[in-house]
Amino acid sequence: MSEKRAIEDPARLTGPEKAAVMLLALGDEGESIWQHLDEEEIREVSQAMSNLGTVTSSAVEKLIVDFVGQMSSTGSLMGSFEATQRLLTSFLPGEKVEAIMEELRGPAGRTMWDKLGNVNEVVLANYLKNEYPQTVAVVLSKVKSEHASRVLAALPEDFALEVVTRMLRMEPVQREILDRIEETLRTEFMSNLARTSKHDSHEMMASIFNNFDRQTENRFLAALEERNRESAEKIRSLMFVFEDLSKLDPGGIQTLMRSIDKDQLGLALKGASDSLRDLFFSNMSERAAKIMREDMGAMGPVRLKDVDQAQQAIVSVAKDLAAKGEIMLADGGADDELIY
């Protein structure tokens, strides 16, 4: 993955990005400026700051020369979540800082409705299906029509039809009602969405370990256990492996099988437990299961490396399907089902 290119020409920056550069350059000295911004301006500048990346020192000097006359070039600035949070903490209460940072980690968009438009339709539908139909009608009337259609399709049919009926009869919504809905979405949905989307270092390593072959994975985990057993156990609990496909429901298994190569599945099942094999076979027709068993028997001995590669490829397909909301995957270390 290529790194974000350093910004050398300040003319390419938007207004909020220019403000973010100046406030980063000022550091603690910019506290009095932050105090004159309202909450919406703080969010906008913070969003720009957290996505800024590297700005060359020459670009910084060009940008603020009108304000300070001349500035010594001591290096470049790096805008990041950590730098943003550190600066906000110096002059805002902890709770307000955390609320702003959670919003930054959530989906992009200036307004609540922009942000909702960037939330996966299945995730949004799973939240809205527990709300009153009238509330859902208001929410879907505020997002783009193409996104609203995808959310409606992901809702239970009877509930979706009730929402459609409410939308057809909808009259202009009072400002205070909209404000209440926005606040509820911000505090109950967006904050939780941001919180669950954060990846700590153990989650990052679990994702890396998932892409190891079995021998490399075992070697690293064994070595890590000798140094830090707690971290090794946490990584192991967060990893999603081929055997975790046993937690898929029949519909999920069938969706997965339609998306993978049958020869690859047969090779992967050669190294699977009897219970996982039976789960796949039970979701095939009797004839298809018989052919699969015969093909697996005809393979004879297979290399562990080949089995690992086949299993990793199928897990990768399963994760892609889960990201699209087509199947549900369970976390390797939890009983609750969630969408990756």
Protein backbone atom coordinates (compact mmCIF):
# COMPACT_ATOMS: atom_id res chain seq x y z
CA MET A 1 0.00 0.00 0.00
CA SER A 2 1.53 3.34 -1.06
CA GLU A 3 1.99 6.08 1.52
CA LYS A 4 0.04 9.32 1.23
CA ARG A 5 2.14 11.85 -0.66
CA ALA A 6 3.43 14.83 1.32
CA ILE A 7 1.61 18.12 0.66
CA GLU A 8 4.00 20.64 -0.88
CA ASP A 9 1.62 23.17 -2.45
CA PRO A 10 -0.68 24.88 0.11
CA ALA A 11 -2.94 26.05 -2.75
CA ARG A 12 -4.22 22.47 -2.96
CA LEU A 13 -5.56 22.63 0.60
CA THR A 14 -9.18 23.39 1.49
CA GLY A 15 -10.07 26.07 4.04
CA PRO A 16 -10.43 23.60 6.95
CA GLU A 17 -7.15 21.91 5.95
CA LYS A 18 -5.32 25.26 5.97
CA ALA A 19 -6.75 25.99 9.42
CA ALA A 20 -5.65 22.53 10.57
CA VAL A 21 -2.06 23.13 9.36
CA MET A 22 -1.87 26.48 11.13
CA LEU A 23 -3.23 25.09 14.40
CA LEU A 24 -0.82 22.14 14.26
CA ALA A 25 2.04 24.58 13.70
CA LEU A 26 0.93 26.74 16.63
CA GLY A 27 0.52 23.76 18.96
CA ASP A 28 -0.31 24.84 22.53
CA GLU A 29 -0.06 28.49 21.45
CA GLY A 30 -3.20 27.99 19.38
CA GLU A 31 -5.40 27.26 22.40
CA SER A 32 -7.00 30.70 22.33
CA ILE A 33 -7.98 30.21 18.67
CA TRP A 34 -9.69 26.87 19.37
CA GLN A 35 -11.70 28.52 22.13
CA HIS A 36 -13.27 30.91 19.61
CA LEU A 37 -14.53 28.08 17.37
CA ASP A 38 -18.01 26.60 17.75
CA GLU A 39 -18.56 22.82 17.94
CA GLU A 40 -19.28 22.42 14.23
CA GLU A 41 -16.10 24.33 13.32
CA ILE A 42 -14.07 22.24 15.78
CA ARG A 43 -15.43 19.04 14.21
CA GLU A 44 -14.69 20.28 10.69
CA VAL A 45 -11.14 21.37 11.47
CA SER A 46 -10.50 18.20 13.52
CA GLN A 47 -11.72 16.03 10.64
CA ALA A 48 -9.34 17.82 8.28
CA MET A 49 -6.48 17.55 10.78
CA SER A 50 -6.90 13.82 11.37
CA ASN A 51 -6.78 13.10 7.60
CA LEU A 52 -4.08 15.61 6.74
CA GLY A 53 -1.02 13.39 6.61
CA THR A 54 2.37 15.04 6.02
CA VAL A 55 2.74 18.72 5.13
CA THR A 56 6.21 19.87 4.14
CA SER A 57 7.83 22.66 6.11
CA SER A 58 8.04 24.85 2.99
CA ALA A 59 4.28 24.50 2.49
CA VAL A 60 3.69 25.45 6.12
CA GLU A 61 5.91 28.52 5.72
CA LYS A 62 4.11 29.64 2.56
CA LEU A 63 0.73 29.16 4.21
CA ILE A 64 1.24 31.22 7.34
CA VAL A 65 3.73 33.80 6.09
CA ASP A 66 0.94 36.42 5.97
CA PHE A 67 0.28 35.83 9.67
CA VAL A 68 3.75 35.55 11.17
CA GLY A 69 5.92 37.29 8.57
CA GLN A 70 8.64 34.71 8.63
CA MET A 71 8.86 31.20 10.04
CA SER A 72 11.90 29.01 10.55
CA SER A 73 11.71 25.62 8.85
CA THR A 74 12.34 22.95 11.45
CA GLY A 75 10.74 20.01 9.73
CA SER A 76 7.37 18.76 8.56
CA LEU A 77 4.08 18.36 10.39
CA MET A 78 2.12 15.12 10.68
CA GLY A 79 -1.63 15.37 11.16
CA SER A 80 -3.00 12.24 12.82
CA PHE A 81 -5.69 11.07 15.22
CA GLU A 82 -3.14 11.10 18.04
CA ALA A 83 -1.94 14.67 17.34
CA THR A 84 -5.54 15.87 17.02
CA GLN A 85 -6.60 14.21 20.26
CA ARG A 86 -3.56 15.56 22.12
CA LEU A 87 -4.30 19.15 21.05
CA LEU A 88 -8.03 18.93 21.78
CA THR A 89 -7.29 17.51 25.25
CA SER A 90 -5.27 20.60 26.13
CA PHE A 91 -8.34 22.86 26.14
CA LEU A 92 -11.53 20.73 26.01
CA PRO A 93 -13.07 18.47 28.67
CA GLY A 94 -12.19 14.78 28.31
CA GLU A 95 -15.76 13.69 27.53
CA LYS A 96 -16.11 16.23 24.72
CA VAL A 97 -12.74 15.23 23.24
CA GLU A 98 -13.73 11.56 23.25
CA ALA A 99 -17.06 12.38 21.59
CA ILE A 100 -15.31 14.35 18.84
CA MET A 101 -12.68 11.63 18.27
CA GLU A 102 -15.34 8.91 18.11
CA GLU A 103 -17.17 10.95 15.50
CA LEU A 104 -13.94 11.33 13.50
CA ARG A 105 -13.39 7.57 13.57
CA GLY A 106 -16.92 7.05 12.29
CA PRO A 107 -18.09 7.42 8.68
CA ALA A 108 -17.10 10.54 6.75
CA GLY A 109 -19.49 13.42 6.19
CA ARG A 110 -20.08 16.92 7.50
CA THR A 111 -23.69 16.48 8.60
CA MET A 112 -25.33 13.52 10.33
CA TRP A 113 -27.18 12.68 7.12
CA ASP A 114 -23.95 12.72 5.10
CA LYS A 115 -22.44 10.32 7.62
CA LEU A 116 -25.43 7.97 7.48
CA GLY A 117 -25.04 7.88 3.71
CA ASN A 118 -21.60 6.30 4.21
CA VAL A 119 -22.76 3.60 6.64
CA ASN A 120 -23.18 0.09 5.23
CA GLU A 121 -26.88 -0.42 4.50
CA VAL A 122 -27.05 -3.71 6.42
CA VAL A 123 -25.47 -2.16 9.52
CA LEU A 124 -27.85 0.80 9.34
CA ALA A 125 -30.88 -1.47 8.74
CA ASN A 126 -29.97 -3.62 11.74
CA TYR A 127 -30.09 -0.50 13.90
CA LEU A 128 -33.21 1.05 12.38
CA LYS A 129 -35.32 -2.12 12.54
CA ASN A 130 -35.58 -1.58 16.32
CA GLU A 131 -36.89 2.00 15.93
CA TYR A 132 -40.43 3.28 15.35
CA PRO A 133 -41.45 3.18 11.65
CA GLN A 134 -42.12 6.93 11.73
CA THR A 135 -38.58 7.61 12.97
CA VAL A 136 -37.12 5.37 10.26
CA ALA A 137 -39.26 7.16 7.67
CA VAL A 138 -37.78 10.50 8.75
CA VAL A 139 -34.22 9.14 8.64
CA LEU A 140 -34.62 7.60 5.17
CA SER A 141 -36.21 10.78 3.86
CA LYS A 142 -33.03 12.67 4.77
CA VAL A 143 -30.46 10.38 3.09
CA LYS A 144 -29.87 9.95 -0.63
CA SER A 145 -32.56 7.94 -2.40
CA GLU A 146 -30.18 5.24 -3.67
CA HIS A 147 -28.93 4.59 -0.14
CA ALA A 148 -32.46 4.66 1.28
CA SER A 149 -33.49 2.00 -1.26
CA ARG A 150 -30.67 -0.31 -0.16
CA VAL A 151 -31.57 0.15 3.51
CA LEU A 152 -35.26 -0.57 2.81
CA ALA A 153 -34.30 -3.75 0.96
CA ALA A 154 -32.27 -4.89 4.00
CA LEU A 155 -35.15 -4.30 6.47
CA PRO A 156 -37.75 -7.01 7.28
CA GLU A 157 -40.37 -6.81 4.53
CA ASP A 158 -43.41 -6.00 6.70
CA PHE A 159 -41.48 -3.34 8.59
CA ALA A 160 -40.11 -1.86 5.35
CA LEU A 161 -43.62 -1.60 3.90
CA GLU A 162 -44.81 0.20 7.04
CA VAL A 163 -41.90 2.64 6.66
CA VAL A 164 -42.80 3.22 2.99
CA THR A 165 -46.42 3.94 4.00
CA ARG A 166 -45.23 6.49 6.59
CA MET A 167 -42.93 8.13 4.03
CA LEU A 168 -45.82 8.49 1.56
CA ARG A 169 -47.94 10.26 4.19
CA MET A 170 -45.11 12.30 5.66
CA GLU A 171 -45.57 16.01 6.30
CA PRO A 172 -42.76 18.54 6.93
CA VAL A 173 -40.86 17.54 10.07
CA GLN A 174 -40.45 20.12 12.85
CA ARG A 175 -36.89 21.28 13.51
CA GLU A 176 -36.90 20.15 17.16
CA ILE A 177 -37.93 16.62 16.13
CA LEU A 178 -35.12 16.48 13.59
CA ASP A 179 -32.69 17.75 16.21
CA ARG A 180 -33.81 15.03 18.63
CA ILE A 181 -33.38 12.32 16.01
CA GLU A 182 -29.93 13.63 15.07
CA GLU A 183 -28.84 13.68 18.71
CA THR A 184 -30.11 10.13 19.25
CA LEU A 185 -28.27 8.92 16.15
CA ARG A 186 -25.10 10.66 17.30
CA THR A 187 -25.15 9.33 20.88
CA GLU A 188 -26.65 5.86 20.38
CA PHE A 189 -25.57 4.82 16.90
CA MET A 190 -22.59 6.78 15.61
CA SER A 191 -20.63 6.63 18.86
CA ASN A 192 -21.11 2.84 19.07
CA LEU A 193 -20.27 2.46 15.39
CA ALA A 194 -17.03 4.39 15.86
CA ARG A 195 -16.20 2.45 19.00
CA THR A 196 -16.68 -0.95 17.34
CA SER A 197 -14.71 0.11 14.26
CA LYS A 198 -11.58 0.95 16.22
CA HIS A 199 -8.82 -1.63 15.86
CA ASP A 200 -6.27 -1.98 18.63
CA SER A 201 -2.81 -3.44 18.09
CA HIS A 202 -3.96 -6.98 18.98
CA GLU A 203 -6.73 -6.85 16.36
CA MET A 204 -4.21 -5.62 13.78
CA MET A 205 -1.83 -8.49 14.60
CA ALA A 206 -4.66 -11.03 14.53
CA SER A 207 -5.45 -9.87 11.00
CA ILE A 208 -1.78 -10.28 10.02
CA PHE A 209 -1.57 -13.73 11.66
CA ASN A 210 -4.70 -14.79 9.76
CA ASN A 211 -2.67 -14.48 6.55
CA PHE A 212 0.20 -16.68 7.74
CA ASP A 213 0.40 -20.29 6.68
CA ARG A 214 -0.23 -22.67 9.59
CA GLN A 215 3.44 -23.42 10.33
CA THR A 216 4.42 -19.73 10.39
CA GLU A 217 1.39 -18.89 12.51
CA ASN A 218 2.21 -21.60 15.05
CA ARG A 219 5.87 -20.56 15.15
CA PHE A 220 5.08 -16.91 15.85
CA LEU A 221 2.40 -17.67 18.43
CA ALA A 222 4.67 -20.11 20.24
CA ALA A 223 7.50 -17.56 20.33
CA LEU A 224 5.12 -14.82 21.48
CA GLU A 225 3.74 -17.03 24.24
CA GLU A 226 7.21 -17.31 25.74
CA ARG A 227 7.53 -13.52 25.89
CA ASN A 228 3.95 -12.44 26.53
CA ARG A 229 1.39 -15.19 27.07
CA GLU A 230 -1.47 -12.72 27.58
CA SER A 231 -0.91 -11.04 24.19
CA ALA A 232 -0.58 -14.40 22.43
CA GLU A 233 -3.87 -15.60 23.90
CA LYS A 234 -5.64 -12.36 22.95
CA ILE A 235 -4.38 -12.55 19.37
CA ARG A 236 -5.45 -16.19 19.12
CA SER A 237 -8.94 -15.33 20.41
CA LEU A 238 -9.30 -12.55 17.81
CA MET A 239 -8.18 -14.59 14.82
CA PHE A 240 -10.78 -15.87 12.37
CA VAL A 241 -9.78 -19.24 10.98
CA PHE A 242 -11.31 -21.80 8.65
CA GLU A 243 -12.85 -23.80 11.49
CA ASP A 244 -14.79 -20.70 12.57
CA LEU A 245 -16.92 -21.19 9.44
CA SER A 246 -18.75 -23.80 11.54
CA LYS A 247 -20.55 -20.82 13.15
CA LEU A 248 -22.22 -19.89 9.85
CA ASP A 249 -25.92 -20.63 9.52
CA PRO A 250 -27.12 -22.86 6.62
CA GLY A 251 -27.93 -19.81 4.48
CA GLY A 252 -24.42 -18.45 5.03
CA ILE A 253 -22.81 -21.78 4.13
CA GLN A 254 -24.83 -21.98 0.90
CA THR A 255 -24.00 -18.37 -0.04
CA LEU A 256 -20.31 -19.07 0.58
CA MET A 257 -20.35 -22.27 -1.51
CA ARG A 258 -21.84 -20.40 -4.46
CA SER A 259 -18.88 -18.00 -4.33
CA ILE A 260 -15.96 -20.44 -4.14
CA ASP A 261 -14.34 -22.98 -6.41
CA LYS A 262 -15.52 -26.54 -5.67
CA ASP A 263 -12.05 -28.03 -6.17
CA GLN A 264 -10.66 -25.48 -3.71
CA LEU A 265 -13.37 -26.40 -1.18
CA GLY A 266 -12.56 -30.09 -1.50
CA LEU A 267 -8.87 -29.39 -0.84
CA ALA A 268 -9.70 -27.16 2.14
CA LEU A 269 -12.01 -29.79 3.65
CA LYS A 270 -9.20 -32.36 3.51
CA GLY A 271 -7.71 -30.54 6.50
CA ALA A 272 -10.99 -29.73 8.27
CA SER A 273 -12.60 -31.36 11.29
CA ASP A 274 -15.29 -34.00 10.75
CA SER A 275 -17.96 -31.64 12.13
CA LEU A 276 -17.07 -28.87 9.66
CA ARG A 277 -16.99 -31.35 6.77
CA ASP A 278 -20.43 -32.62 7.77
CA LEU A 279 -21.76 -29.05 7.92
CA PHE A 280 -20.70 -28.38 4.31
CA PHE A 281 -21.93 -31.77 3.09
CA SER A 282 -25.31 -31.32 4.80
CA ASN A 283 -25.85 -28.10 2.82
CA MET A 284 -25.22 -29.82 -0.52
CA SER A 285 -27.54 -32.05 -2.46
CA GLU A 286 -27.00 -35.75 -1.80
CA ARG A 287 -25.48 -36.16 -5.27
CA ALA A 288 -23.15 -33.15 -4.91
CA ALA A 289 -21.97 -34.34 -1.47
CA LYS A 290 -21.25 -37.81 -2.87
CA ILE A 291 -19.22 -36.35 -5.76
CA MET A 292 -17.29 -34.10 -3.35
CA ARG A 293 -16.39 -37.04 -1.10
CA GLU A 294 -15.25 -39.07 -4.10
CA ASP A 295 -13.14 -36.19 -5.42
CA MET A 296 -11.53 -35.74 -2.00
CA GLY A 297 -10.74 -39.43 -1.81
CA ALA A 298 -9.21 -39.36 -5.29
CA MET A 299 -6.83 -36.57 -4.24
CA GLY A 300 -4.85 -38.93 -2.05
CA PRO A 301 -2.26 -37.35 0.27
CA VAL A 302 -2.06 -33.54 -0.09
CA ARG A 303 0.50 -31.04 1.13
CA LEU A 304 -0.35 -29.12 4.28
CA LYS A 305 0.77 -25.92 2.53
CA ASP A 306 -1.80 -26.45 -0.24
CA VAL A 307 -4.58 -27.10 2.30
CA ASP A 308 -3.64 -23.94 4.21
CA GLN A 309 -3.73 -21.84 1.04
CA ALA A 310 -7.15 -23.22 0.06
CA GLN A 311 -8.54 -22.57 3.54
CA GLN A 312 -7.13 -19.02 3.65
CA ALA A 313 -8.63 -18.27 0.23
CA ILE A 314 -12.07 -19.42 1.39
CA VAL A 315 -11.82 -17.44 4.64
CA SER A 316 -10.91 -14.37 2.53
CA VAL A 317 -14.03 -14.87 0.38
CA ALA A 318 -16.13 -15.29 3.55
CA LYS A 319 -14.81 -12.00 4.94
CA ASP A 320 -15.58 -10.21 1.67
CA LEU A 321 -19.15 -11.56 1.71
CA ALA A 322 -19.53 -10.48 5.35
CA ALA A 323 -18.28 -6.98 4.53
CA LYS A 324 -21.04 -6.77 1.89
CA GLY A 325 -23.60 -7.93 4.45
CA GLU A 326 -24.36 -11.14 2.52
CA ILE A 327 -23.37 -13.46 5.37
CA MET A 328 -22.75 -13.12 9.11
CA LEU A 329 -19.42 -14.10 10.63
CA ALA A 330 -18.76 -14.68 14.32
CA ASP A 331 -15.71 -13.30 16.07
CA GLY A 332 -13.28 -16.07 16.93
CA GLY A 333 -13.38 -15.16 20.61
CA ALA A 334 -16.99 -14.22 21.21
CA ASP A 335 -20.46 -15.73 21.09
CA ASP A 336 -22.11 -12.66 19.59
CA GLU A 337 -22.45 -12.43 15.81
CA LEU A 338 -21.21 -9.33 14.10
CA ILE A 339 -20.42 -8.05 10.62
CA TYR A 340 -16.77 -7.65 9.72
